[in-house]
Amino acid sequence: MAAAILFFYAPAILQQTDKLEKADAIVVLGGQYFRPIYAAELYNEGYAPQILVSKPIIYTEVKALRDLGINRKFQWEIYREVLLKKGVPESSINYFGEDSMSTIDEAEQLKKMFNEKKSDADIKKIILVTSPLHTGRAGKIFRDTLPDKEFIVVATPYEPISEKWWTNFRTAPYIILETTKNIYYYLGGAFRSSEQR
């Protein structure tokens, strides 16, 4: 019965969002390009005065293309273009981390940035922008890693989840993977870029 409940209600279980309110900064995680689009919209609506962008891992195939002279942009570069196109000024965009391959990496590198940059000490409340099915795990990880910060976890409104999620070729593997990652994290596991090299 537990397995059946988990199967049919997995999307609802994975999605854990908070009521949107004004904050000191918006953090946009690496992944779907809907994330910077929504982060820019929140900025333009006055929810926070700055956006902090994660710099995810650069995969070897992207490096290979750039070595060939093919201008394949890094994800954070595309995020920057999206934010600028949506009206966010360059002065309001900052970056954190380097080669983050997981949510754990992103949370730990954000914490490192706060520890190193005393100018960011006034950032207490943060809007965390991610995809709907990632909200539960992302919120748990960031709150565990930075307990001195208040996180408002929000989902992009551009990634609807099918009621019969198991019939969708994109949603089904995402939910299975996200469920596995949640279980792994709750059992004490973590994926870190430093451990994958």
N, C-alpha and C. Protein backbone atom coordinates (compact mmCIF):
# COMPACT_ATOMS: atom_id res chain seq x y z
N MET A 1 0.82 -1.20 0.00
CA MET A 1 0.00 0.00 0.00
C MET A 1 0.86 1.26 0.00
N ALA A 2 1.94 1.21 0.80
CA ALA A 2 2.85 2.36 0.85
C ALA A 2 3.47 2.62 -0.51
N ALA A 3 3.83 1.55 -1.20
CA ALA A 3 4.43 1.67 -2.53
C ALA A 3 3.43 2.27 -3.52
N ALA A 4 2.18 1.87 -3.40
CA ALA A 4 1.14 2.38 -4.29
C ALA A 4 0.92 3.87 -4.05
N ILE A 5 0.90 4.27 -2.78
CA ILE A 5 0.73 5.69 -2.44
C ILE A 5 1.90 6.50 -2.99
N LEU A 6 3.10 5.99 -2.77
CA LEU A 6 4.30 6.67 -3.26
C LEU A 6 4.25 6.80 -4.78
N PHE A 7 3.80 5.76 -5.45
CA PHE A 7 3.75 5.77 -6.91
C PHE A 7 2.78 6.83 -7.42
N PHE A 8 1.55 6.79 -6.94
CA PHE A 8 0.52 7.69 -7.48
C PHE A 8 0.66 9.13 -6.99
N TYR A 9 1.19 9.31 -5.78
CA TYR A 9 1.27 10.66 -5.22
C TYR A 9 2.69 11.20 -5.15
N ALA A 10 3.59 10.58 -5.90
CA ALA A 10 4.99 11.02 -5.88
C ALA A 10 5.16 12.50 -6.18
N PRO A 11 4.50 13.06 -7.21
CA PRO A 11 4.68 14.48 -7.49
C PRO A 11 4.30 15.37 -6.32
N ALA A 12 3.18 15.06 -5.66
CA ALA A 12 2.74 15.86 -4.52
C ALA A 12 3.70 15.74 -3.35
N ILE A 13 4.28 14.56 -3.17
CA ILE A 13 5.23 14.34 -2.08
C ILE A 13 6.53 15.10 -2.33
N LEU A 14 6.97 15.11 -3.58
CA LEU A 14 8.25 15.75 -3.92
C LEU A 14 8.17 17.27 -3.91
N GLN A 15 6.98 17.81 -4.17
CA GLN A 15 6.82 19.26 -4.26
C GLN A 15 6.53 19.85 -2.88
N GLN A 16 7.44 20.66 -2.39
CA GLN A 16 7.28 21.32 -1.09
C GLN A 16 7.65 22.79 -1.26
N THR A 17 6.65 23.62 -1.52
CA THR A 17 6.92 25.04 -1.76
C THR A 17 6.41 25.91 -0.61
N ASP A 18 6.92 27.13 -0.58
CA ASP A 18 6.55 28.08 0.46
C ASP A 18 5.77 29.24 -0.13
N LYS A 19 5.11 29.99 0.73
CA LYS A 19 4.40 31.18 0.30
C LYS A 19 5.42 32.24 -0.11
N LEU A 20 5.26 32.79 -1.29
CA LEU A 20 6.20 33.77 -1.81
C LEU A 20 6.11 35.07 -1.03
N GLU A 21 7.27 35.60 -0.63
CA GLU A 21 7.34 36.89 0.04
C GLU A 21 8.67 37.55 -0.28
N LYS A 22 8.78 38.83 0.03
CA LYS A 22 9.99 39.56 -0.30
C LYS A 22 11.18 39.06 0.51
N ALA A 23 12.36 39.14 -0.12
CA ALA A 23 13.57 38.62 0.51
C ALA A 23 14.76 39.51 0.17
N ASP A 24 15.94 39.10 0.64
CA ASP A 24 17.16 39.86 0.41
C ASP A 24 17.84 39.47 -0.90
N ALA A 25 17.57 38.26 -1.37
CA ALA A 25 18.20 37.79 -2.61
C ALA A 25 17.40 36.63 -3.18
N ILE A 26 17.58 36.42 -4.47
CA ILE A 26 17.01 35.27 -5.16
C ILE A 26 18.15 34.37 -5.59
N VAL A 27 18.10 33.11 -5.23
CA VAL A 27 19.11 32.14 -5.66
C VAL A 27 18.49 31.26 -6.73
N VAL A 28 19.14 31.22 -7.90
CA VAL A 28 18.64 30.38 -8.99
C VAL A 28 19.62 29.23 -9.20
N LEU A 29 19.10 28.01 -9.09
CA LEU A 29 19.94 26.81 -9.17
C LEU A 29 20.14 26.38 -10.62
N GLY A 30 21.22 25.68 -10.85
CA GLY A 30 21.52 25.16 -12.17
C GLY A 30 20.47 24.13 -12.57
N GLY A 31 20.26 23.99 -13.88
CA GLY A 31 19.27 23.01 -14.35
C GLY A 31 18.44 23.56 -15.48
N GLN A 32 17.14 23.55 -15.31
CA GLN A 32 16.22 23.98 -16.36
C GLN A 32 16.32 25.48 -16.61
N TYR A 33 16.16 25.87 -17.88
CA TYR A 33 16.24 27.29 -18.23
C TYR A 33 15.00 28.09 -17.84
N PHE A 34 13.96 27.40 -17.40
CA PHE A 34 12.81 28.10 -16.85
C PHE A 34 13.19 28.78 -15.53
N ARG A 35 14.21 28.29 -14.87
CA ARG A 35 14.59 28.83 -13.56
C ARG A 35 15.04 30.29 -13.63
N PRO A 36 15.99 30.64 -14.50
CA PRO A 36 16.36 32.07 -14.58
C PRO A 36 15.23 32.94 -15.14
N ILE A 37 14.38 32.36 -15.99
CA ILE A 37 13.24 33.14 -16.51
C ILE A 37 12.34 33.56 -15.35
N TYR A 38 12.03 32.62 -14.48
CA TYR A 38 11.15 32.93 -13.34
C TYR A 38 11.87 33.81 -12.32
N ALA A 39 13.15 33.58 -12.12
CA ALA A 39 13.91 34.41 -11.19
C ALA A 39 13.89 35.87 -11.63
N ALA A 40 14.03 36.10 -12.94
CA ALA A 40 14.00 37.46 -13.47
C ALA A 40 12.63 38.09 -13.25
N GLU A 41 11.58 37.31 -13.42
CA GLU A 41 10.23 37.83 -13.22
C GLU A 41 10.02 38.23 -11.75
N LEU A 42 10.53 37.42 -10.85
CA LEU A 42 10.42 37.75 -9.42
C LEU A 42 11.21 39.02 -9.10
N TYR A 43 12.39 39.14 -9.69
CA TYR A 43 13.20 40.35 -9.50
C TYR A 43 12.43 41.57 -9.99
N ASN A 44 11.88 41.49 -11.19
CA ASN A 44 11.17 42.62 -11.77
C ASN A 44 9.90 42.98 -11.00
N GLU A 45 9.36 42.02 -10.27
CA GLU A 45 8.19 42.29 -9.43
C GLU A 45 8.58 42.83 -8.06
N GLY A 46 9.89 42.99 -7.84
CA GLY A 46 10.36 43.60 -6.60
C GLY A 46 10.49 42.68 -5.41
N TYR A 47 10.60 41.37 -5.66
CA TYR A 47 10.70 40.43 -4.54
C TYR A 47 12.08 40.41 -3.89
N ALA A 48 13.11 40.81 -4.61
CA ALA A 48 14.46 40.87 -4.04
C ALA A 48 15.33 41.77 -4.92
N PRO A 49 16.35 42.40 -4.34
CA PRO A 49 17.17 43.35 -5.11
C PRO A 49 18.34 42.74 -5.87
N GLN A 50 18.58 41.44 -5.70
CA GLN A 50 19.70 40.82 -6.41
C GLN A 50 19.43 39.34 -6.67
N ILE A 51 20.14 38.82 -7.68
CA ILE A 51 20.01 37.40 -8.04
C ILE A 51 21.39 36.75 -7.95
N LEU A 52 21.46 35.63 -7.25
CA LEU A 52 22.69 34.85 -7.13
C LEU A 52 22.55 33.60 -8.00
N VAL A 53 23.46 33.46 -8.94
CA VAL A 53 23.39 32.40 -9.94
C VAL A 53 24.46 31.33 -9.68
N SER A 54 24.04 30.09 -9.63
CA SER A 54 24.97 28.98 -9.44
C SER A 54 25.75 28.71 -10.73
N LYS A 55 27.01 28.37 -10.58
CA LYS A 55 27.83 27.97 -11.73
C LYS A 55 28.00 26.45 -11.71
N PRO A 56 27.19 25.74 -12.48
CA PRO A 56 27.26 24.28 -12.45
C PRO A 56 28.47 23.73 -13.19
N ILE A 57 28.65 22.45 -13.03
CA ILE A 57 29.78 21.75 -13.64
C ILE A 57 29.76 21.90 -15.17
N ILE A 58 30.93 22.02 -15.75
CA ILE A 58 31.05 22.10 -17.21
C ILE A 58 31.42 20.69 -17.69
N TYR A 59 30.50 20.09 -18.42
CA TYR A 59 30.72 18.71 -18.83
C TYR A 59 31.78 18.62 -19.94
N THR A 60 32.46 17.49 -19.97
CA THR A 60 33.60 17.33 -20.88
C THR A 60 33.21 17.49 -22.35
N GLU A 61 31.96 17.11 -22.71
CA GLU A 61 31.56 17.25 -24.10
C GLU A 61 31.42 18.72 -24.51
N VAL A 62 31.03 19.57 -23.54
CA VAL A 62 30.94 21.01 -23.82
C VAL A 62 32.34 21.58 -24.00
N LYS A 63 33.25 21.16 -23.14
CA LYS A 63 34.65 21.61 -23.28
C LYS A 63 35.23 21.17 -24.62
N ALA A 64 34.89 19.95 -25.04
CA ALA A 64 35.40 19.43 -26.31
C ALA A 64 34.90 20.29 -27.47
N LEU A 65 33.63 20.70 -27.44
CA LEU A 65 33.09 21.55 -28.49
C LEU A 65 33.79 22.90 -28.53
N ARG A 66 34.03 23.47 -27.36
CA ARG A 66 34.69 24.77 -27.31
C ARG A 66 36.15 24.66 -27.77
N ASP A 67 36.77 23.53 -27.47
CA ASP A 67 38.14 23.29 -27.95
C ASP A 67 38.19 23.24 -29.48
N LEU A 68 37.06 22.83 -30.09
CA LEU A 68 36.97 22.77 -31.55
C LEU A 68 36.60 24.13 -32.16
N GLY A 69 36.40 25.10 -31.31
CA GLY A 69 36.04 26.42 -31.80
C GLY A 69 34.55 26.62 -31.98
N ILE A 70 33.75 25.65 -31.50
CA ILE A 70 32.30 25.77 -31.56
C ILE A 70 31.83 26.50 -30.31
N ASN A 71 31.17 27.61 -30.48
CA ASN A 71 30.81 28.45 -29.33
C ASN A 71 29.59 27.91 -28.60
N ARG A 72 29.79 26.86 -27.86
CA ARG A 72 28.75 26.26 -27.02
C ARG A 72 28.83 26.92 -25.66
N LYS A 73 27.83 27.70 -25.32
CA LYS A 73 27.87 28.48 -24.08
C LYS A 73 27.70 27.59 -22.85
N PHE A 74 28.35 28.01 -21.77
CA PHE A 74 28.17 27.33 -20.50
C PHE A 74 26.79 27.70 -19.96
N GLN A 75 26.27 26.86 -19.07
CA GLN A 75 24.92 27.11 -18.58
C GLN A 75 24.78 28.47 -17.89
N TRP A 76 25.74 28.82 -17.06
CA TRP A 76 25.63 30.09 -16.34
C TRP A 76 25.69 31.28 -17.30
N GLU A 77 26.35 31.11 -18.45
CA GLU A 77 26.38 32.18 -19.45
C GLU A 77 24.99 32.36 -20.08
N ILE A 78 24.30 31.25 -20.31
CA ILE A 78 22.94 31.32 -20.85
C ILE A 78 22.00 31.94 -19.81
N TYR A 79 22.19 31.54 -18.55
CA TYR A 79 21.40 32.13 -17.46
C TYR A 79 21.56 33.65 -17.46
N ARG A 80 22.81 34.10 -17.60
CA ARG A 80 23.09 35.54 -17.60
C ARG A 80 22.35 36.23 -18.73
N GLU A 81 22.40 35.63 -19.93
CA GLU A 81 21.71 36.22 -21.08
C GLU A 81 20.20 36.29 -20.85
N VAL A 82 19.65 35.23 -20.27
CA VAL A 82 18.21 35.21 -19.97
C VAL A 82 17.86 36.35 -19.03
N LEU A 83 18.64 36.48 -17.95
CA LEU A 83 18.37 37.52 -16.96
C LEU A 83 18.46 38.92 -17.57
N LEU A 84 19.50 39.14 -18.37
CA LEU A 84 19.66 40.45 -19.01
C LEU A 84 18.52 40.73 -19.99
N LYS A 85 18.12 39.72 -20.77
CA LYS A 85 17.02 39.88 -21.73
C LYS A 85 15.70 40.19 -21.02
N LYS A 86 15.58 39.66 -19.81
CA LYS A 86 14.35 39.87 -19.03
C LYS A 86 14.41 41.16 -18.21
N GLY A 87 15.47 41.96 -18.39
CA GLY A 87 15.52 43.26 -17.75
C GLY A 87 16.25 43.36 -16.44
N VAL A 88 16.95 42.30 -16.03
CA VAL A 88 17.73 42.37 -14.80
C VAL A 88 19.07 43.03 -15.10
N PRO A 89 19.42 44.12 -14.42
CA PRO A 89 20.70 44.78 -14.71
C PRO A 89 21.89 43.93 -14.29
N GLU A 90 22.97 44.08 -15.02
CA GLU A 90 24.20 43.32 -14.73
C GLU A 90 24.64 43.49 -13.28
N SER A 91 24.47 44.69 -12.75
CA SER A 91 24.90 45.00 -11.38
C SER A 91 24.13 44.22 -10.32
N SER A 92 22.98 43.66 -10.71
CA SER A 92 22.16 42.90 -9.75
C SER A 92 22.36 41.40 -9.87
N ILE A 93 23.29 40.98 -10.73
CA ILE A 93 23.56 39.56 -10.94
C ILE A 93 24.93 39.21 -10.37
N ASN A 94 24.96 38.23 -9.49
CA ASN A 94 26.22 37.74 -8.94
C ASN A 94 26.25 36.21 -9.06
N TYR A 95 27.44 35.66 -9.00
CA TYR A 95 27.61 34.22 -9.21
C TYR A 95 28.26 33.59 -7.99
N PHE A 96 27.96 32.33 -7.79
CA PHE A 96 28.60 31.61 -6.68
C PHE A 96 28.95 30.19 -7.13
N GLY A 97 29.98 29.67 -6.49
CA GLY A 97 30.39 28.30 -6.77
C GLY A 97 31.19 28.14 -8.04
N GLU A 98 31.58 26.91 -8.28
CA GLU A 98 32.36 26.55 -9.45
C GLU A 98 32.24 25.04 -9.61
N ASP A 99 31.81 24.61 -10.79
CA ASP A 99 31.70 23.18 -11.08
C ASP A 99 30.76 22.41 -10.15
N SER A 100 29.66 23.04 -9.76
CA SER A 100 28.67 22.34 -8.92
C SER A 100 27.98 21.26 -9.74
N MET A 101 27.97 20.03 -9.22
CA MET A 101 27.33 18.94 -9.94
C MET A 101 26.06 18.46 -9.24
N SER A 102 25.75 19.04 -8.08
CA SER A 102 24.60 18.59 -7.33
C SER A 102 24.04 19.71 -6.46
N THR A 103 22.87 19.47 -5.91
CA THR A 103 22.25 20.45 -5.02
C THR A 103 23.10 20.63 -3.77
N ILE A 104 23.68 19.55 -3.29
CA ILE A 104 24.59 19.63 -2.12
C ILE A 104 25.75 20.57 -2.43
N ASP A 105 26.36 20.39 -3.59
CA ASP A 105 27.46 21.26 -4.01
C ASP A 105 27.02 22.73 -3.99
N GLU A 106 25.86 22.98 -4.55
CA GLU A 106 25.38 24.37 -4.64
C GLU A 106 25.16 24.97 -3.26
N ALA A 107 24.56 24.21 -2.37
CA ALA A 107 24.31 24.71 -1.01
C ALA A 107 25.63 24.97 -0.28
N GLU A 108 26.57 24.04 -0.39
CA GLU A 108 27.85 24.19 0.30
C GLU A 108 28.67 25.34 -0.27
N GLN A 109 28.58 25.54 -1.59
CA GLN A 109 29.33 26.63 -2.20
C GLN A 109 28.69 27.99 -1.91
N LEU A 110 27.37 28.01 -1.76
CA LEU A 110 26.72 29.26 -1.35
C LEU A 110 27.14 29.60 0.08
N LYS A 111 27.19 28.61 0.93
CA LYS A 111 27.64 28.82 2.32
C LYS A 111 29.07 29.34 2.34
N LYS A 112 29.92 28.76 1.50
CA LYS A 112 31.31 29.20 1.42
C LYS A 112 31.39 30.66 0.99
N MET A 113 30.57 31.05 0.02
CA MET A 113 30.56 32.44 -0.44
C MET A 113 30.17 33.38 0.70
N PHE A 114 29.14 33.00 1.46
CA PHE A 114 28.71 33.84 2.57
C PHE A 114 29.80 33.96 3.63
N ASN A 115 30.53 32.87 3.86
CA ASN A 115 31.60 32.89 4.86
C ASN A 115 32.78 33.76 4.42
N GLU A 116 33.03 33.79 3.11
CA GLU A 116 34.18 34.53 2.59
C GLU A 116 33.87 36.00 2.33
N LYS A 117 32.63 36.29 1.93
CA LYS A 117 32.26 37.66 1.58
C LYS A 117 31.42 38.27 2.69
N LYS A 118 32.07 39.05 3.52
CA LYS A 118 31.39 39.67 4.65
C LYS A 118 30.34 40.68 4.19
N SER A 119 30.49 41.16 2.95
CA SER A 119 29.52 42.12 2.41
C SER A 119 28.14 41.49 2.22
N ASP A 120 28.09 40.16 2.20
CA ASP A 120 26.82 39.47 2.02
C ASP A 120 26.19 39.06 3.34
N ALA A 121 26.75 39.57 4.44
CA ALA A 121 26.24 39.20 5.76
C ALA A 121 24.81 39.66 5.98
N ASP A 122 24.38 40.68 5.24
CA ASP A 122 23.02 41.20 5.41
C ASP A 122 21.98 40.38 4.66
N ILE A 123 22.41 39.36 3.92
CA ILE A 123 21.47 38.48 3.23
C ILE A 123 21.00 37.42 4.22
N LYS A 124 19.79 37.58 4.68
CA LYS A 124 19.23 36.66 5.68
C LYS A 124 18.10 35.81 5.11
N LYS A 125 17.28 36.43 4.26
CA LYS A 125 16.13 35.74 3.70
C LYS A 125 16.34 35.56 2.20
N ILE A 126 16.20 34.33 1.73
CA ILE A 126 16.53 33.99 0.34
C ILE A 126 15.37 33.26 -0.33
N ILE A 127 15.03 33.72 -1.54
CA ILE A 127 14.06 32.99 -2.37
C ILE A 127 14.86 31.98 -3.20
N LEU A 128 14.53 30.72 -3.08
CA LEU A 128 15.24 29.66 -3.80
C LEU A 128 14.37 29.20 -4.96
N VAL A 129 14.84 29.44 -6.18
CA VAL A 129 14.06 29.12 -7.38
C VAL A 129 14.56 27.81 -7.99
N THR A 130 13.64 26.88 -8.17
CA THR A 130 14.00 25.62 -8.80
C THR A 130 12.76 25.02 -9.49
N SER A 131 12.90 23.82 -9.99
CA SER A 131 11.79 23.15 -10.68
C SER A 131 10.84 22.52 -9.65
N PRO A 132 9.56 22.36 -10.00
CA PRO A 132 8.58 21.85 -9.04
C PRO A 132 8.98 20.58 -8.31
N LEU A 133 9.43 19.57 -9.04
CA LEU A 133 9.74 18.28 -8.43
C LEU A 133 11.03 18.29 -7.62
N HIS A 134 11.77 19.38 -7.71
CA HIS A 134 13.05 19.50 -6.99
C HIS A 134 12.89 20.30 -5.70
N THR A 135 11.73 20.93 -5.51
CA THR A 135 11.57 21.86 -4.40
C THR A 135 11.75 21.22 -3.02
N GLY A 136 11.18 20.04 -2.82
CA GLY A 136 11.28 19.40 -1.51
C GLY A 136 12.71 19.11 -1.10
N ARG A 137 13.44 18.45 -1.97
CA ARG A 137 14.83 18.09 -1.65
C ARG A 137 15.72 19.33 -1.56
N ALA A 138 15.54 20.27 -2.49
CA ALA A 138 16.36 21.48 -2.47
C ALA A 138 16.16 22.26 -1.18
N GLY A 139 14.90 22.41 -0.76
CA GLY A 139 14.63 23.12 0.49
C GLY A 139 15.27 22.44 1.68
N LYS A 140 15.17 21.13 1.75
CA LYS A 140 15.76 20.36 2.86
C LYS A 140 17.28 20.53 2.88
N ILE A 141 17.92 20.41 1.73
CA ILE A 141 19.38 20.50 1.67
C ILE A 141 19.86 21.90 2.05
N PHE A 142 19.25 22.94 1.49
CA PHE A 142 19.71 24.30 1.79
C PHE A 142 19.45 24.68 3.24
N ARG A 143 18.36 24.24 3.81
CA ARG A 143 18.09 24.54 5.22
C ARG A 143 19.03 23.78 6.14
N ASP A 144 19.38 22.55 5.76
CA ASP A 144 20.34 21.78 6.55
C ASP A 144 21.73 22.41 6.50
N THR A 145 22.10 22.90 5.31
CA THR A 145 23.46 23.42 5.09
C THR A 145 23.63 24.84 5.62
N LEU A 146 22.59 25.64 5.49
CA LEU A 146 22.66 27.04 5.95
C LEU A 146 21.52 27.31 6.94
N PRO A 147 21.61 26.76 8.15
CA PRO A 147 20.52 26.90 9.11
C PRO A 147 20.31 28.33 9.60
N ASP A 148 21.29 29.20 9.37
CA ASP A 148 21.18 30.59 9.81
C ASP A 148 20.44 31.46 8.80
N LYS A 149 20.09 30.89 7.65
CA LYS A 149 19.37 31.63 6.62
C LYS A 149 17.91 31.14 6.55
N GLU A 150 17.03 32.04 6.13
CA GLU A 150 15.64 31.67 5.93
C GLU A 150 15.40 31.48 4.43
N PHE A 151 14.92 30.31 4.05
CA PHE A 151 14.70 30.01 2.64
C PHE A 151 13.20 29.96 2.32
N ILE A 152 12.86 30.62 1.23
CA ILE A 152 11.52 30.57 0.68
C ILE A 152 11.65 29.81 -0.64
N VAL A 153 11.22 28.57 -0.65
CA VAL A 153 11.40 27.71 -1.82
C VAL A 153 10.20 27.85 -2.75
N VAL A 154 10.49 28.23 -4.00
CA VAL A 154 9.41 28.40 -4.98
C VAL A 154 9.71 27.61 -6.24
N ALA A 155 8.63 27.20 -6.92
CA ALA A 155 8.76 26.43 -8.15
C ALA A 155 8.43 27.29 -9.35
N THR A 156 9.12 27.06 -10.44
CA THR A 156 8.78 27.76 -11.68
C THR A 156 7.36 27.35 -12.09
N PRO A 157 6.59 28.28 -12.64
CA PRO A 157 5.22 27.94 -13.04
C PRO A 157 5.12 27.39 -14.46
N TYR A 158 6.27 27.11 -15.08
CA TYR A 158 6.29 26.72 -16.49
C TYR A 158 6.56 25.25 -16.73
N GLU A 159 6.51 24.44 -15.68
CA GLU A 159 6.80 23.02 -15.80
C GLU A 159 5.65 22.20 -15.20
N PRO A 160 4.51 22.18 -15.87
CA PRO A 160 3.35 21.45 -15.33
C PRO A 160 3.61 19.95 -15.24
N ILE A 161 3.07 19.35 -14.20
CA ILE A 161 3.25 17.92 -13.98
C ILE A 161 1.97 17.19 -14.37
N SER A 162 2.09 16.24 -15.28
CA SER A 162 0.94 15.47 -15.73
C SER A 162 0.37 14.64 -14.59
N GLU A 163 -0.97 14.57 -14.52
CA GLU A 163 -1.61 13.77 -13.48
C GLU A 163 -1.19 12.31 -13.61
N LYS A 164 -1.13 11.82 -14.83
CA LYS A 164 -0.64 10.46 -15.08
C LYS A 164 0.85 10.57 -15.45
N TRP A 165 1.64 10.94 -14.44
CA TRP A 165 3.05 11.25 -14.68
C TRP A 165 3.84 10.09 -15.27
N TRP A 166 3.43 8.88 -14.95
CA TRP A 166 4.16 7.69 -15.42
C TRP A 166 4.02 7.48 -16.93
N THR A 167 3.13 8.22 -17.59
CA THR A 167 2.97 8.11 -19.03
C THR A 167 3.77 9.17 -19.80
N ASN A 168 4.41 10.08 -19.08
CA ASN A 168 5.16 11.16 -19.71
C ASN A 168 6.63 10.80 -19.78
N PHE A 169 7.21 10.78 -20.97
CA PHE A 169 8.58 10.29 -21.14
C PHE A 169 9.62 11.19 -20.49
N ARG A 170 9.27 12.44 -20.18
CA ARG A 170 10.21 13.32 -19.48
C ARG A 170 9.98 13.29 -17.97
N THR A 171 8.74 13.34 -17.59
CA THR A 171 8.42 13.41 -16.16
C THR A 171 8.71 12.10 -15.44
N ALA A 172 8.39 10.98 -16.05
CA ALA A 172 8.54 9.68 -15.38
C ALA A 172 9.98 9.42 -14.92
N PRO A 173 10.99 9.53 -15.79
CA PRO A 173 12.35 9.29 -15.30
C PRO A 173 12.81 10.33 -14.28
N TYR A 174 12.33 11.58 -14.43
CA TYR A 174 12.70 12.64 -13.48
C TYR A 174 12.19 12.29 -12.08
N ILE A 175 10.93 11.85 -12.00
CA ILE A 175 10.35 11.52 -10.70
C ILE A 175 11.05 10.32 -10.07
N ILE A 176 11.35 9.33 -10.88
CA ILE A 176 12.06 8.15 -10.35
C ILE A 176 13.44 8.55 -9.83
N LEU A 177 14.15 9.36 -10.60
CA LEU A 177 15.49 9.81 -10.17
C LEU A 177 15.40 10.69 -8.93
N GLU A 178 14.44 11.61 -8.91
CA GLU A 178 14.31 12.52 -7.77
C GLU A 178 13.92 11.76 -6.50
N THR A 179 13.06 10.76 -6.64
CA THR A 179 12.69 9.93 -5.49
C THR A 179 13.90 9.20 -4.95
N THR A 180 14.71 8.65 -5.85
CA THR A 180 15.93 7.94 -5.45
C THR A 180 16.90 8.89 -4.74
N LYS A 181 17.06 10.10 -5.28
CA LYS A 181 17.96 11.08 -4.67
C LYS A 181 17.48 11.48 -3.28
N ASN A 182 16.16 11.61 -3.12
CA ASN A 182 15.61 11.93 -1.81
C ASN A 182 15.93 10.84 -0.80
N ILE A 183 15.70 9.61 -1.18
CA ILE A 183 15.98 8.48 -0.29
C ILE A 183 17.46 8.44 0.07
N TYR A 184 18.30 8.62 -0.94
CA TYR A 184 19.76 8.60 -0.73
C TYR A 184 20.16 9.70 0.25
N TYR A 185 19.60 10.90 0.08
CA TYR A 185 19.95 12.01 0.96
C TYR A 185 19.49 11.74 2.40
N TYR A 186 18.26 11.24 2.55
CA TYR A 186 17.74 10.97 3.89
C TYR A 186 18.50 9.84 4.59
N LEU A 187 19.16 9.01 3.79
CA LEU A 187 20.00 7.95 4.37
C LEU A 187 21.42 8.43 4.66
N GLY A 188 21.67 9.71 4.38
CA GLY A 188 22.98 10.29 4.68
C GLY A 188 23.92 10.39 3.50
N GLY A 189 23.45 10.06 2.31
CA GLY A 189 24.30 10.13 1.13
C GLY A 189 24.30 11.51 0.50
N ALA A 190 25.34 11.76 -0.30
CA ALA A 190 25.44 13.06 -0.99
C ALA A 190 26.37 12.92 -2.19
N PHE A 191 25.99 13.56 -3.28
CA PHE A 191 26.84 13.61 -4.46
C PHE A 191 27.60 14.92 -4.46
N ARG A 192 28.93 14.84 -4.47
CA ARG A 192 29.76 16.03 -4.50
C ARG A 192 30.74 15.93 -5.67
N SER A 193 30.96 17.06 -6.33
CA SER A 193 31.85 17.07 -7.50
C SER A 193 33.26 16.65 -7.11
N SER A 194 33.69 17.01 -5.91
CA SER A 194 35.05 16.69 -5.47
C SER A 194 35.26 15.19 -5.32
N GLU A 195 34.16 14.44 -5.12
CA GLU A 195 34.25 12.99 -4.93
C GLU A 195 34.09 12.23 -6.24
N GLN A 196 33.79 12.94 -7.34
CA GLN A 196 33.56 12.29 -8.62
C GLN A 196 34.76 12.35 -9.54
N ARG A 197 35.81 13.05 -9.10
CA ARG A 197 36.97 13.23 -9.97
C ARG A 197 37.98 12.14 -9.74
